[in-house]
Amino acid sequence: MSSDRRTPGTTHTVASTETPIFSGTTRWLDGAREDARVSHFTIDEDQPLFSESASNDNVELREASAPWKVLVVDDDEQVHAVTRMVLNDFELDGRPLCFLHAHSGSEARALVLSHDDIAVILLDVVMESDEAGLETVEYVRNVVKNKSVRIILRTGQPGSAPEQRVIREYDINDYREKTELTSHKLHTSLFSALRSYRDIVELEQHKRGLETVIAASGAIFRERTVKGFSGAVLQQLGGLLRTHGATEAAESLAESGWGERDI
């Protein structure tokens, strides 16, 4: 049963648990009043999130401490609005979300180029062309060479991009039909994608650290004196740990003339 609470001068829309939340109208999505109207929406976790269409927006960045960047790519403004609403309070590891918005494959490609730390892309398939989303996947993986970002394909027209073919031929991480995507399922997909992205980034950082250690070892063992050896060790540690203290200590040690004897 739906409720009807009204404030003078404001139209409130409340979603019924029996009907899709986008059934019939997009009149509350107009210009500057969009966010205010969206905030009055009540959503059920097991209710389909997406059905029909709407209009247009740009880039929204939420100011927060080290947020996860999520790129929403869809030519339907209603999808952008509902995604922001449903994930408004989402956090993982104490970090909220920062949304970037694109309404076409070309806009998405430009944002991927300018933001190399996007964690998840929520990507529509049919936009300016029938396979604009799939072309964007190819661009991200094979042109930009970004293997870390997690790509969740969301389509309202599964017939144009059958799941088995898309999963087999394209490097995506999840496939969802909009008509079946509930708030609960979207949260689940995002938790899984962000944890995967976090682990990939951490592994890459460890790999770079190991490469730095290997490269530094050559410089260290070329030194022939205790003073030079000790200074090289501390300098390499300073670079590895990204601190200035060890480097300053190495310089001080060299100036003191400690360890002049040969190894």
Protein backbone atom coordinates (compact mmCIF):
# COMPACT_ATOMS: atom_id res chain seq x y z
CA MET A 1 0.00 0.00 0.00
CA SER A 2 1.44 3.39 -0.90
CA SER A 3 1.28 6.45 1.39
CA ASP A 4 0.53 10.07 0.39
CA ARG A 5 2.21 12.70 2.58
CA ARG A 6 2.06 16.18 1.08
CA THR A 7 3.91 19.43 1.78
CA PRO A 8 2.32 22.69 0.52
CA GLY A 9 3.66 23.60 -2.94
CA THR A 10 5.54 20.30 -3.46
CA THR A 11 4.55 17.16 -5.32
CA HIS A 12 5.83 14.00 -3.60
CA THR A 13 6.12 10.69 -5.43
CA VAL A 14 6.14 7.48 -3.37
CA ALA A 15 6.93 4.15 -4.96
CA SER A 16 4.54 1.27 -4.42
CA THR A 17 6.02 -2.10 -3.58
CA GLU A 18 3.78 -3.59 -6.29
CA THR A 19 4.81 -1.49 -9.32
CA PRO A 20 8.08 -0.49 -11.03
CA ILE A 21 9.30 2.79 -9.59
CA PHE A 22 9.50 4.43 -13.03
CA SER A 23 6.04 3.45 -14.27
CA GLY A 24 4.37 6.21 -16.21
CA THR A 25 6.06 9.52 -15.42
CA THR A 26 9.28 11.50 -15.44
CA ARG A 27 7.73 14.91 -14.69
CA TRP A 28 9.66 15.21 -11.40
CA LEU A 29 12.95 15.15 -13.34
CA ASP A 30 13.10 18.77 -14.49
CA GLY A 31 16.19 20.94 -14.24
CA ALA A 32 17.22 22.40 -10.90
CA ARG A 33 14.42 20.64 -8.97
CA GLU A 34 15.65 17.18 -9.93
CA ASP A 35 17.66 16.36 -6.80
CA ALA A 36 14.99 17.70 -4.44
CA ARG A 37 12.29 15.58 -6.07
CA VAL A 38 14.44 12.47 -6.24
CA SER A 39 15.10 12.73 -2.50
CA HIS A 40 11.36 12.29 -1.82
CA PHE A 41 11.33 8.92 -3.56
CA THR A 42 10.87 5.77 -1.44
CA ILE A 43 12.43 2.60 -2.82
CA ASP A 44 11.98 -1.07 -2.03
CA GLU A 45 15.13 -3.23 -2.13
CA ASP A 46 13.42 -5.96 -4.18
CA GLN A 47 11.79 -3.58 -6.66
CA PRO A 48 13.08 -3.22 -10.28
CA LEU A 49 15.18 -0.07 -10.61
CA PHE A 50 14.89 0.70 -14.31
CA SER A 51 12.13 0.70 -16.93
CA GLU A 52 11.50 3.67 -19.30
CA SER A 53 13.48 6.84 -20.35
CA ALA A 54 14.29 10.52 -19.48
CA SER A 55 16.84 13.38 -20.33
CA ASN A 56 20.49 14.68 -19.70
CA ASP A 57 23.27 15.66 -17.10
CA ASN A 58 27.07 16.09 -16.69
CA VAL A 59 29.67 15.26 -13.99
CA GLU A 60 28.89 15.07 -10.25
CA LEU A 61 31.74 14.78 -7.76
CA ARG A 62 30.98 14.21 -4.09
CA GLU A 63 33.53 15.78 -1.79
CA ALA A 64 34.72 13.11 0.60
CA SER A 65 37.84 11.41 1.88
CA ALA A 66 39.37 9.17 -0.81
CA PRO A 67 36.04 8.20 -2.44
CA TRP A 68 35.59 5.33 -4.87
CA LYS A 69 35.02 6.72 -8.36
CA VAL A 70 32.02 5.21 -10.15
CA LEU A 71 31.34 6.15 -13.77
CA VAL A 72 27.66 5.90 -14.76
CA VAL A 73 27.22 5.65 -18.53
CA ASP A 74 23.65 5.77 -19.86
CA ASP A 75 21.66 7.92 -22.29
CA ASP A 76 18.66 7.83 -19.91
CA GLU A 77 18.82 10.56 -17.26
CA GLN A 78 16.38 8.66 -15.09
CA VAL A 79 18.98 5.88 -14.73
CA HIS A 80 21.57 8.42 -13.52
CA ALA A 81 19.15 9.93 -11.01
CA VAL A 82 18.03 6.60 -9.55
CA THR A 83 21.60 5.26 -9.38
CA ARG A 84 22.65 8.31 -7.33
CA MET A 85 19.62 7.94 -5.10
CA VAL A 86 19.99 4.21 -4.46
CA LEU A 87 23.75 4.41 -3.79
CA ASN A 88 23.70 7.73 -1.95
CA ASP A 89 24.78 6.27 1.42
CA PHE A 90 26.98 3.48 0.04
CA GLU A 91 30.36 2.99 1.75
CA LEU A 92 33.13 0.39 1.60
CA ASP A 93 36.13 0.49 3.94
CA GLY A 94 34.86 3.83 5.23
CA ARG A 95 35.02 5.36 1.73
CA PRO A 96 31.92 6.78 0.01
CA LEU A 97 31.25 6.96 -3.73
CA CYS A 98 32.10 9.76 -6.14
CA PHE A 99 29.93 9.72 -9.28
CA LEU A 100 31.02 10.65 -12.78
CA HIS A 101 28.30 10.82 -15.44
CA ALA A 102 28.40 10.19 -19.20
CA HIS A 103 25.44 10.00 -21.57
CA SER A 104 27.18 8.39 -24.53
CA GLY A 105 30.09 6.11 -25.32
CA SER A 106 32.18 9.04 -26.54
CA GLU A 107 31.65 10.96 -23.28
CA ALA A 108 32.57 7.84 -21.32
CA ARG A 109 35.80 7.37 -23.28
CA ALA A 110 36.83 10.97 -22.59
CA LEU A 111 36.22 10.53 -18.84
CA VAL A 112 38.17 7.25 -18.75
CA LEU A 113 41.14 9.07 -20.31
CA SER A 114 41.02 11.93 -17.79
CA HIS A 115 40.38 9.76 -14.70
CA ASP A 116 42.74 6.79 -14.44
CA ASP A 117 41.46 5.88 -10.97
CA ILE A 118 37.85 4.99 -11.84
CA ALA A 119 36.98 1.88 -9.82
CA VAL A 120 33.70 0.80 -11.45
CA ILE A 121 31.88 1.59 -14.70
CA LEU A 122 28.11 1.03 -14.76
CA LEU A 123 27.68 0.81 -18.52
CA ASP A 124 24.64 0.79 -20.79
CA VAL A 125 24.88 -0.99 -24.17
CA VAL A 126 22.55 0.85 -26.57
CA MET A 127 23.21 4.60 -26.63
CA GLU A 128 24.29 6.64 -29.68
CA SER A 129 24.59 3.30 -31.49
CA ASP A 130 23.40 -0.26 -30.85
CA GLU A 131 26.81 -1.34 -29.57
CA ALA A 132 28.17 1.92 -28.13
CA GLY A 133 28.64 0.29 -24.72
CA LEU A 134 30.50 -2.70 -26.13
CA GLU A 135 32.74 -0.38 -28.17
CA THR A 136 33.50 1.47 -24.92
CA VAL A 137 34.53 -1.82 -23.27
CA GLU A 138 36.95 -2.48 -26.15
CA TYR A 139 38.36 1.05 -25.86
CA VAL A 140 38.93 0.78 -22.09
CA ARG A 141 40.56 -2.65 -22.21
CA ASN A 142 42.48 -2.58 -25.50
CA VAL A 143 43.25 1.09 -26.22
CA VAL A 144 43.64 2.62 -22.76
CA LYS A 145 44.90 -0.76 -21.48
CA ASN A 146 43.00 -0.33 -18.22
CA LYS A 147 42.62 -3.84 -16.84
CA SER A 148 41.88 -2.74 -13.27
CA VAL A 149 38.53 -0.95 -13.59
CA ARG A 150 35.53 -3.23 -13.04
CA ILE A 151 32.85 -2.99 -15.75
CA ILE A 152 29.23 -3.84 -14.95
CA LEU A 153 27.08 -3.94 -18.09
CA ARG A 154 23.48 -2.83 -17.54
CA THR A 155 21.13 -3.20 -20.48
CA GLY A 156 17.46 -2.54 -21.04
CA GLN A 157 17.58 -4.40 -24.37
CA PRO A 158 19.17 -7.80 -23.71
CA GLY A 159 18.21 -8.99 -27.19
CA SER A 160 20.69 -6.55 -28.75
CA ALA A 161 23.54 -7.88 -26.57
CA PRO A 162 22.84 -11.48 -25.48
CA GLU A 163 24.48 -12.29 -22.15
CA GLN A 164 26.42 -15.40 -23.21
CA ARG A 165 27.92 -13.72 -26.29
CA VAL A 166 28.87 -10.55 -24.41
CA ILE A 167 30.45 -12.41 -21.47
CA ARG A 168 32.40 -14.63 -23.87
CA GLU A 169 33.63 -11.94 -26.26
CA TYR A 170 34.09 -8.86 -24.04
CA ASP A 171 36.18 -8.30 -20.91
CA ILE A 172 33.37 -7.29 -18.56
CA ASN A 173 32.92 -8.28 -14.91
CA ASP A 174 29.13 -8.48 -14.57
CA TYR A 175 26.02 -8.42 -16.76
CA ARG A 176 22.66 -7.14 -15.52
CA GLU A 177 19.27 -6.55 -17.12
CA LYS A 178 17.79 -3.27 -15.92
CA THR A 179 14.28 -4.68 -15.56
CA GLU A 180 15.55 -7.24 -13.03
CA LEU A 181 18.08 -5.03 -11.23
CA THR A 182 16.87 -4.21 -7.72
CA SER A 183 18.46 -1.96 -5.11
CA HIS A 184 19.70 -5.02 -3.23
CA LYS A 185 21.26 -6.56 -6.35
CA LEU A 186 22.93 -3.28 -7.33
CA HIS A 187 24.51 -2.98 -3.88
CA THR A 188 25.70 -6.58 -4.06
CA SER A 189 27.25 -6.08 -7.51
CA LEU A 190 28.99 -2.90 -6.42
CA PHE A 191 30.41 -4.38 -3.20
CA SER A 192 31.82 -7.29 -5.20
CA ALA A 193 33.25 -5.05 -7.94
CA LEU A 194 34.88 -2.58 -5.54
CA ARG A 195 36.49 -5.33 -3.46
CA SER A 196 37.89 -6.86 -6.64
CA TYR A 197 39.22 -3.47 -7.79
CA ARG A 198 40.75 -2.80 -4.36
CA ASP A 199 42.58 -6.14 -4.38
CA ILE A 200 43.86 -5.63 -7.94
CA VAL A 201 45.21 -2.17 -7.08
CA GLU A 202 46.92 -3.48 -3.93
CA LEU A 203 48.57 -6.31 -5.88
CA GLU A 204 49.79 -3.83 -8.48
CA GLN A 205 51.26 -1.62 -5.75
CA HIS A 206 53.07 -4.61 -4.22
CA LYS A 207 54.40 -5.53 -7.66
CA ARG A 208 55.77 -2.02 -8.22
CA GLY A 209 57.33 -2.08 -4.75
CA LEU A 210 59.06 -5.37 -5.50
CA GLU A 211 60.35 -4.03 -8.82
CA THR A 212 61.74 -1.00 -6.96
CA VAL A 213 63.51 -3.26 -4.45
CA ILE A 214 65.06 -5.34 -7.25
CA ALA A 215 66.24 -2.23 -9.10
CA ALA A 216 67.58 -0.71 -5.86
CA SER A 217 69.58 -3.82 -4.97
CA GLY A 218 71.85 -3.29 -7.97
CA ALA A 219 72.72 0.22 -6.87
CA ILE A 220 73.32 -0.91 -3.30
CA PHE A 221 75.71 -3.75 -4.06
CA ARG A 222 77.80 -1.67 -6.44
CA GLU A 223 79.08 0.32 -3.45
CA ARG A 224 82.57 -0.74 -2.27
CA THR A 225 82.75 0.87 1.17
CA VAL A 226 80.70 0.62 4.36
CA LYS A 227 79.90 4.32 4.13
CA GLY A 228 78.77 4.08 0.53
CA PHE A 229 76.88 0.81 1.13
CA SER A 230 75.04 2.18 4.19
CA GLY A 231 74.22 5.44 2.45
CA ALA A 232 72.89 3.61 -0.61
CA VAL A 233 70.71 1.36 1.56
CA LEU A 234 69.15 4.32 3.37
CA GLN A 235 68.67 6.30 0.17
CA GLN A 236 66.91 3.39 -1.51
CA LEU A 237 64.74 2.88 1.58
CA GLY A 238 63.85 6.55 1.48
CA GLY A 239 62.70 6.23 -2.12
CA LEU A 240 60.87 2.97 -1.45
CA LEU A 241 58.98 4.33 1.55
CA ARG A 242 58.48 7.73 -0.08
CA THR A 243 59.94 9.53 2.95
CA HIS A 244 62.70 12.09 3.26
CA GLY A 245 63.97 10.97 6.67
CA ALA A 246 66.04 8.05 5.40
CA THR A 247 67.59 10.10 2.61
CA GLU A 248 68.54 12.86 5.04
CA ALA A 249 70.04 10.26 7.37
CA ALA A 250 72.12 8.86 4.51
CA GLU A 251 73.46 12.29 3.66
CA SER A 252 74.32 12.94 7.29
CA LEU A 253 76.07 9.58 7.50
CA ALA A 254 78.16 10.31 4.41
CA GLU A 255 79.19 13.71 5.79
CA SER A 256 80.29 12.17 9.09
CA GLY A 257 82.84 9.95 7.32
CA TRP A 258 81.61 6.86 9.22
CA GLY A 259 82.75 3.48 7.86
CA GLU A 260 85.65 4.55 5.69
CA ARG A 261 87.21 1.07 5.60
CA ASP A 262 86.61 -1.15 2.56
CA ILE A 263 84.18 -4.07 2.83
